[in-house]
Amino acid sequence: MTETIVSNQEQTLSALLADRYSCRSFTPEPVPHEVIEQILALAQRTPSWCNTQPWQVAVTEGAATDRFRDGLAAYVRSAPQEPDLAFPREYRGVYQDRRRECAMALYSSVGVAGDRAASAEQTMKNFDLFGAPHVAVITTDEALGTYGAVDCGLYVTTFLLAAQSLGVATIPQAALAGSSKYLREFFALPDDRLVVCAISFGYPDLDHPANNFRTTRAAVDATATWVSE
């Protein structure tokens, strides 16, 4: 019996991980409020350093999402990117290779590979939330530093898998964190909260070509080192 339970759990997790992807086109259909509450309740089970649970989440729905996206698009076009947590200093080696592979797969899927202007416009769709009817903005407590941010990263993963388990598509977006000033004003965030990232979510437009490519994953041997003596 125990082996059966473990097997079923493994299959469930494996399916969630295999099926989840970053959705880049959503239908306008809103996610029912009670389903969003289920996602949040599941995500709240995320483990954290000393059980601090540093994450706080601001979620939009209805007209608030449109007001947020309209204001964000205008802000991005006129203001510099100023994230609360520094973006990567550089992408190098295999990390740059993986980043480029992902970008090329996306641009090829929507037919803009090699077109710099069209590729830039595709990037701007981040700030339209890819048409999602909801966005969740994740913040951490400033005093908890790196560990608070790491815990929020764990929270994001749990949120993504919880949403997937309920048939809701997601895309985690670091890009929105670059507009932390706008996010801070829109959500009336206090000064001691740092914006980590956002998650746009809703139901996927399965016919959109941006949702029909998948990124690759490195082999375990490329990331894990065994120490046996």
Protein backbone atom coordinates (compact mmCIF):
# COMPACT_ATOMS: atom_id res chain seq x y z
CA MET A 1 0.00 0.00 0.00
CA THR A 2 2.77 2.45 0.94
CA GLU A 3 4.63 1.71 -2.30
CA THR A 4 1.42 2.40 -4.26
CA ILE A 5 0.91 5.75 -2.53
CA VAL A 6 4.52 6.78 -3.19
CA SER A 7 4.21 5.69 -6.83
CA ASN A 8 1.02 7.70 -7.30
CA GLN A 9 2.56 10.78 -5.70
CA GLU A 10 5.64 10.46 -7.90
CA GLN A 11 3.48 10.17 -11.01
CA THR A 12 1.44 13.20 -9.99
CA LEU A 13 4.50 15.37 -9.40
CA SER A 14 6.16 14.12 -12.56
CA ALA A 15 3.07 15.00 -14.60
CA LEU A 16 2.81 18.48 -13.08
CA LEU A 17 6.48 19.22 -13.79
CA ALA A 18 6.28 17.83 -17.31
CA ASP A 19 3.09 19.65 -18.25
CA ARG A 20 3.83 23.05 -16.71
CA TYR A 21 5.27 25.69 -19.01
CA SER A 22 5.49 29.48 -19.14
CA CYS A 23 2.28 30.59 -20.81
CA ARG A 24 2.72 33.57 -23.14
CA SER A 25 -0.85 34.04 -24.33
CA PHE A 26 -3.98 33.84 -22.19
CA THR A 27 -7.71 33.92 -22.85
CA PRO A 28 -9.62 36.78 -21.18
CA GLU A 29 -11.66 34.31 -19.09
CA PRO A 30 -11.09 35.10 -15.40
CA VAL A 31 -10.12 32.44 -12.90
CA PRO A 32 -12.90 32.06 -10.30
CA HIS A 33 -12.04 33.75 -7.01
CA GLU A 34 -12.39 30.50 -5.09
CA VAL A 35 -9.88 28.78 -7.40
CA ILE A 36 -7.35 31.58 -6.81
CA GLU A 37 -7.90 31.12 -3.09
CA GLN A 38 -7.17 27.39 -3.50
CA ILE A 39 -3.90 28.19 -5.28
CA LEU A 40 -2.89 30.59 -2.52
CA ALA A 41 -3.79 28.07 0.19
CA LEU A 42 -1.68 25.38 -1.46
CA ALA A 43 1.23 27.78 -2.01
CA GLN A 44 1.11 28.70 1.66
CA ARG A 45 2.47 25.20 2.42
CA THR A 46 5.85 26.27 1.02
CA PRO A 47 8.77 25.59 3.41
CA SER A 48 10.80 28.58 4.54
CA TRP A 49 13.85 29.51 6.63
CA CYS A 50 12.87 29.14 10.32
CA ASN A 51 9.25 29.04 9.09
CA THR A 52 9.36 32.81 8.56
CA GLN A 53 7.03 32.63 5.53
CA PRO A 54 8.32 36.01 4.30
CA TRP A 55 6.20 36.21 1.16
CA GLN A 56 3.27 38.53 0.73
CA VAL A 57 1.20 38.44 -2.44
CA ALA A 58 -0.85 41.17 -4.11
CA VAL A 59 -3.33 39.69 -6.59
CA THR A 60 -5.40 41.54 -9.19
CA GLU A 61 -8.71 40.56 -10.70
CA GLY A 62 -11.38 42.26 -12.77
CA ALA A 63 -10.92 45.89 -13.74
CA ALA A 64 -7.87 46.18 -11.46
CA THR A 65 -5.84 43.97 -13.81
CA ASP A 66 -6.60 46.21 -16.79
CA ARG A 67 -5.79 49.31 -14.77
CA PHE A 68 -2.52 47.72 -13.66
CA ARG A 69 -1.47 46.61 -17.15
CA ASP A 70 -2.34 49.94 -18.78
CA GLY A 71 -0.37 51.90 -16.20
CA LEU A 72 2.55 49.47 -16.32
CA ALA A 73 2.89 49.67 -20.10
CA ALA A 74 2.98 53.47 -19.95
CA TYR A 75 5.48 53.42 -17.07
CA VAL A 76 7.88 50.99 -18.79
CA ARG A 77 8.03 53.11 -21.92
CA SER A 78 9.04 56.22 -19.99
CA ALA A 79 11.04 55.07 -16.94
CA PRO A 80 14.31 53.17 -16.40
CA GLN A 81 14.36 49.64 -14.96
CA GLU A 82 15.10 49.88 -11.23
CA PRO A 83 14.52 46.54 -9.46
CA ASP A 84 14.60 46.28 -5.67
CA LEU A 85 16.81 43.18 -6.01
CA ALA A 86 19.65 43.53 -8.52
CA PHE A 87 19.20 41.76 -11.85
CA PRO A 88 22.04 39.40 -12.92
CA ARG A 89 25.32 41.23 -13.58
CA GLU A 90 25.82 39.13 -16.69
CA TYR A 91 24.86 35.85 -18.35
CA ARG A 92 27.96 33.85 -19.27
CA GLY A 93 28.90 30.46 -20.57
CA VAL A 94 26.19 27.83 -20.46
CA TYR A 95 23.77 30.27 -18.78
CA GLN A 96 23.97 32.60 -21.75
CA ASP A 97 23.59 29.63 -24.09
CA ARG A 98 20.40 28.50 -22.35
CA ARG A 99 19.01 32.03 -22.31
CA ARG A 100 19.62 32.42 -26.04
CA GLU A 101 18.14 29.01 -26.80
CA CYS A 102 14.95 29.95 -24.97
CA ALA A 103 14.72 33.33 -26.71
CA MET A 104 15.29 31.83 -30.16
CA ALA A 105 12.67 29.14 -29.56
CA LEU A 106 10.14 31.80 -28.58
CA TYR A 107 10.96 34.14 -31.46
CA SER A 108 10.90 31.28 -33.96
CA SER A 109 7.53 30.08 -32.68
CA VAL A 110 5.93 33.49 -33.31
CA GLY A 111 7.80 34.10 -36.57
CA VAL A 112 10.03 37.01 -35.53
CA ALA A 113 13.45 35.32 -35.35
CA GLY A 114 16.06 37.70 -36.77
CA ASP A 115 13.70 40.68 -36.66
CA ARG A 116 15.05 42.87 -33.86
CA ALA A 117 12.13 45.30 -33.83
CA ALA A 118 9.52 42.53 -33.76
CA SER A 119 11.51 40.64 -31.10
CA ALA A 120 11.57 43.77 -28.94
CA GLU A 121 7.82 44.11 -29.36
CA GLN A 122 7.40 40.49 -28.26
CA THR A 123 9.44 41.31 -25.15
CA MET A 124 7.09 44.21 -24.40
CA LYS A 125 4.22 41.71 -24.14
CA ASN A 126 5.62 40.97 -20.67
CA PHE A 127 4.18 44.29 -19.56
CA ASP A 128 0.79 43.52 -21.07
CA LEU A 129 0.88 40.38 -18.88
CA PHE A 130 0.53 38.38 -22.12
CA GLY A 131 -3.18 39.15 -21.89
CA ALA A 132 -3.61 37.40 -18.53
CA PRO A 133 -6.67 38.33 -16.45
CA HIS A 134 -4.66 38.21 -13.21
CA VAL A 135 -1.24 39.03 -11.86
CA ALA A 136 0.28 38.14 -8.49
CA VAL A 137 3.14 40.31 -7.23
CA ILE A 138 5.45 38.61 -4.72
CA THR A 139 7.32 40.66 -2.12
CA THR A 140 9.70 39.82 0.71
CA ASP A 141 10.67 41.47 3.98
CA GLU A 142 13.72 43.68 3.44
CA ALA A 143 15.32 42.67 6.76
CA LEU A 144 15.45 38.99 5.77
CA GLY A 145 17.82 39.70 2.89
CA THR A 146 18.90 36.88 0.60
CA TYR A 147 17.14 34.15 2.57
CA GLY A 148 13.80 35.91 2.36
CA ALA A 149 14.20 36.17 -1.41
CA VAL A 150 15.17 32.49 -1.65
CA ASP A 151 12.07 31.52 0.34
CA CYS A 152 9.95 33.59 -2.04
CA GLY A 153 11.50 31.68 -4.93
CA LEU A 154 10.30 28.47 -3.31
CA TYR A 155 6.87 30.05 -2.91
CA VAL A 156 6.77 30.91 -6.61
CA THR A 157 7.49 27.28 -7.53
CA THR A 158 4.73 25.99 -5.27
CA PHE A 159 2.33 28.58 -6.68
CA LEU A 160 3.12 27.48 -10.25
CA LEU A 161 2.58 23.79 -9.49
CA ALA A 162 -0.56 24.48 -7.45
CA ALA A 163 -2.00 26.46 -10.34
CA GLN A 164 -1.08 23.71 -12.80
CA SER A 165 -2.83 21.14 -10.63
CA LEU A 166 -6.03 23.21 -10.89
CA GLY A 167 -5.82 23.74 -14.64
CA VAL A 168 -4.54 27.31 -14.44
CA ALA A 169 -1.64 28.45 -16.63
CA THR A 170 1.12 30.74 -15.33
CA ILE A 171 4.25 32.62 -16.24
CA PRO A 172 6.71 33.85 -13.59
CA GLN A 173 8.05 37.28 -14.61
CA ALA A 174 11.21 38.88 -13.29
CA ALA A 175 10.68 41.62 -15.90
CA LEU A 176 7.97 43.28 -13.82
CA ALA A 177 10.33 43.61 -10.85
CA GLY A 178 12.27 46.18 -12.86
CA SER A 179 9.29 48.50 -12.43
CA SER A 180 9.24 48.17 -8.66
CA LYS A 181 8.46 51.88 -8.22
CA TYR A 182 5.25 51.51 -10.21
CA LEU A 183 4.34 48.29 -8.40
CA ARG A 184 5.02 49.91 -5.05
CA GLU A 185 2.71 52.81 -5.82
CA PHE A 186 -0.04 50.70 -7.39
CA PHE A 187 -0.24 48.24 -4.49
CA ALA A 188 0.66 50.75 -1.77
CA LEU A 189 3.59 48.59 -0.68
CA PRO A 190 5.45 49.75 2.44
CA ASP A 191 9.13 50.64 2.20
CA ASP A 192 10.22 47.46 4.00
CA ARG A 193 8.76 45.20 1.29
CA LEU A 194 11.00 44.30 -1.66
CA VAL A 195 9.50 43.22 -4.99
CA VAL A 196 10.84 39.78 -5.95
CA CYS A 197 8.86 39.03 -9.12
CA ALA A 198 5.36 38.66 -10.50
CA ILE A 199 3.27 35.78 -11.83
CA SER A 200 0.71 36.39 -14.56
CA PHE A 201 -1.94 33.69 -14.66
CA GLY A 202 -5.21 32.61 -16.20
CA TYR A 203 -6.38 30.09 -18.80
CA PRO A 204 -4.10 29.44 -21.77
CA ASP A 205 -4.80 30.31 -25.38
CA LEU A 206 -3.79 26.91 -26.67
CA ASP A 207 -3.94 28.01 -30.30
CA HIS A 208 -1.32 30.74 -29.89
CA PRO A 209 2.07 29.71 -31.32
CA ALA A 210 3.92 31.14 -28.29
CA ASN A 211 2.38 28.35 -26.24
CA ASN A 212 3.53 25.60 -28.56
CA PHE A 213 7.25 25.44 -27.85
CA ARG A 214 9.03 24.03 -24.81
CA THR A 215 12.41 24.76 -23.28
CA THR A 216 14.97 22.02 -22.69
CA ARG A 217 16.54 20.93 -19.41
CA ALA A 218 20.15 20.04 -18.69
CA ALA A 219 20.95 16.44 -17.81
CA VAL A 220 21.32 15.65 -14.12
CA ASP A 221 25.02 14.87 -14.66
CA ALA A 222 25.53 18.46 -15.84
CA THR A 223 24.29 19.91 -12.55
CA ALA A 224 24.87 17.33 -9.81
CA THR A 225 28.15 16.22 -8.24
CA TRP A 226 28.39 13.01 -6.22
CA VAL A 227 30.69 12.77 -3.18
CA SER A 228 30.90 9.20 -1.91
CA GLU A 229 34.12 9.04 0.10
